[in-house]
Structures are given as structure tokens and as C-alpha cells.
Protein backbone atom coordinates (compact mmCIF):
# COMPACT_ATOMS: atom_id res chain seq x y z
CA UNK A 1 -189.83 47.83 193.52
CA UNK A 2 -189.71 50.94 195.69
CA UNK A 3 -187.68 51.36 198.85
CA UNK A 4 -189.50 50.83 202.16
CA UNK A 5 -190.99 53.98 203.67
CA UNK A 6 -189.38 55.09 206.91
CA UNK A 7 -192.03 56.73 209.07
CA UNK A 8 -191.43 60.20 210.44
CA UNK A 9 -191.69 60.99 214.15
CA UNK A 10 -195.08 62.58 213.46
CA UNK A 11 -196.40 59.49 211.65
CA UNK A 12 -195.21 57.21 214.44
CA UNK A 13 -196.74 59.45 217.11
CA UNK A 14 -200.09 59.63 215.24
CA UNK A 15 -200.16 55.85 214.73
CA UNK A 16 -199.29 55.13 218.36
CA UNK A 17 -201.84 57.66 219.66
CA UNK A 18 -204.58 56.04 217.54
CA UNK A 19 -203.59 52.54 218.63
CA UNK A 20 -204.92 50.48 221.52
CA UNK A 21 -201.40 49.10 222.09
CA UNK A 22 -198.74 50.97 224.08
CA UNK A 23 -195.93 52.11 221.78
CA UNK A 24 -193.33 51.20 224.39
CA UNK A 25 -194.29 47.97 226.16
CA UNK A 26 -197.05 46.56 223.94
CA UNK A 27 -199.69 46.43 226.66
CA UNK A 28 -203.29 47.48 226.04
CA UNK A 29 -204.05 51.19 226.32
CA UNK A 30 -206.85 53.59 225.49
CA UNK A 31 -206.89 55.25 222.08
CA UNK A 32 -205.81 58.90 222.23
CA UNK A 33 -203.60 58.19 225.27
CA UNK A 34 -199.87 58.29 224.72
CA UNK A 35 -198.99 55.18 226.76
CA UNK A 36 -200.50 52.49 228.94
CA UNK A 37 -201.01 53.42 232.57
CA UNK A 38 -197.83 51.67 233.74
CA UNK A 39 -195.58 53.43 231.23
CA UNK A 40 -197.29 56.80 231.66
CA UNK A 41 -196.75 56.84 235.43
CA UNK A 42 -193.13 55.69 235.03
CA UNK A 43 -192.40 59.05 233.34
CA UNK A 44 -191.37 62.11 235.37
CA UNK A 45 -194.27 64.44 236.11
CA UNK A 46 -192.95 67.21 233.86
CA UNK A 47 -192.67 64.90 230.88
CA UNK A 48 -196.18 63.53 231.55
CA UNK A 49 -197.54 67.09 231.45
CA UNK A 50 -195.73 67.80 228.18
CA UNK A 51 -197.55 64.89 226.52
CA UNK A 52 -200.63 67.15 226.41
CA UNK A 53 -198.85 69.45 223.95
CA UNK A 54 -200.67 69.68 220.59
CA UNK A 55 -199.01 68.19 217.51
CA UNK A 56 -198.48 71.71 216.20
CA UNK A 57 -196.54 72.52 219.38
CA UNK A 58 -194.11 69.60 219.12
CA UNK A 59 -196.02 66.59 220.51
CA UNK A 60 -194.19 64.13 218.24
CA UNK A 61 -190.78 65.17 219.56
CA UNK A 62 -192.00 65.05 223.17
CA UNK A 63 -193.52 61.60 222.59
CA UNK A 64 -190.21 60.42 221.15
CA UNK A 65 -188.38 61.83 224.19
CA UNK A 66 -190.80 59.97 226.49
CA UNK A 67 -190.22 56.69 224.63
CA UNK A 68 -186.46 57.20 224.92
CA UNK A 69 -186.83 57.87 228.66
CA UNK A 70 -188.84 54.67 229.12
CA UNK A 71 -186.25 52.67 227.21
CA UNK A 72 -183.20 54.10 228.99
CA UNK A 73 -184.40 54.98 232.48
CA UNK A 74 -186.93 52.29 233.45
CA UNK A 75 -186.97 48.52 233.73
CA UNK A 76 -190.19 48.23 231.71
CA UNK A 77 -189.39 45.85 228.85
CA UNK A 78 -189.78 47.23 225.34
CA UNK A 79 -192.21 45.42 223.05
CA UNK A 80 -190.84 43.73 219.97
CA UNK A 81 -192.46 45.24 216.88
CA UNK A 82 -192.91 43.40 213.63
């Protein structure tokens, strides 16, 4: 039996971007959008703008930073993931 695969930041970012569920709060969102509307507008403007960075320019790291901001700096509850 092999060890479970830990996803990289890039894999998580790709999966969340393709999903219809917000990667932070679990609410419904549009595919190809980083977060649901509520979470997106809870981010500082500069961080929101950075979410338009291509993957080749560091999107996965910026997405991770945005998720950390939402977890630490807002009162939006984090979804429980299976």
C-alpha cells in the first residue's frame, strides 16, 4: 500500500479554481474564479488584483496567501474538508 499523496500548492490551486465550491468557506462559486464573492471581497484590493497572476507567474503562492489571509484576518468560517 502506498503512502497518501500530499497535493502541492499548484495542484490545490488548480483543483480549487476548477471547482464550483469556494476553497475557503465552502460556498458556491463560479469555476475559474478563485473564491466566492463574499471571500473575494473580504481580501484587500491589492491581493484581489494579484489573483489574476498566471500560474507561471506564481498564482498558486498568491492563492495560498489569500487563503491564509481569509483564515487569519476575517471572521468568515473555514469549510471543513473531507
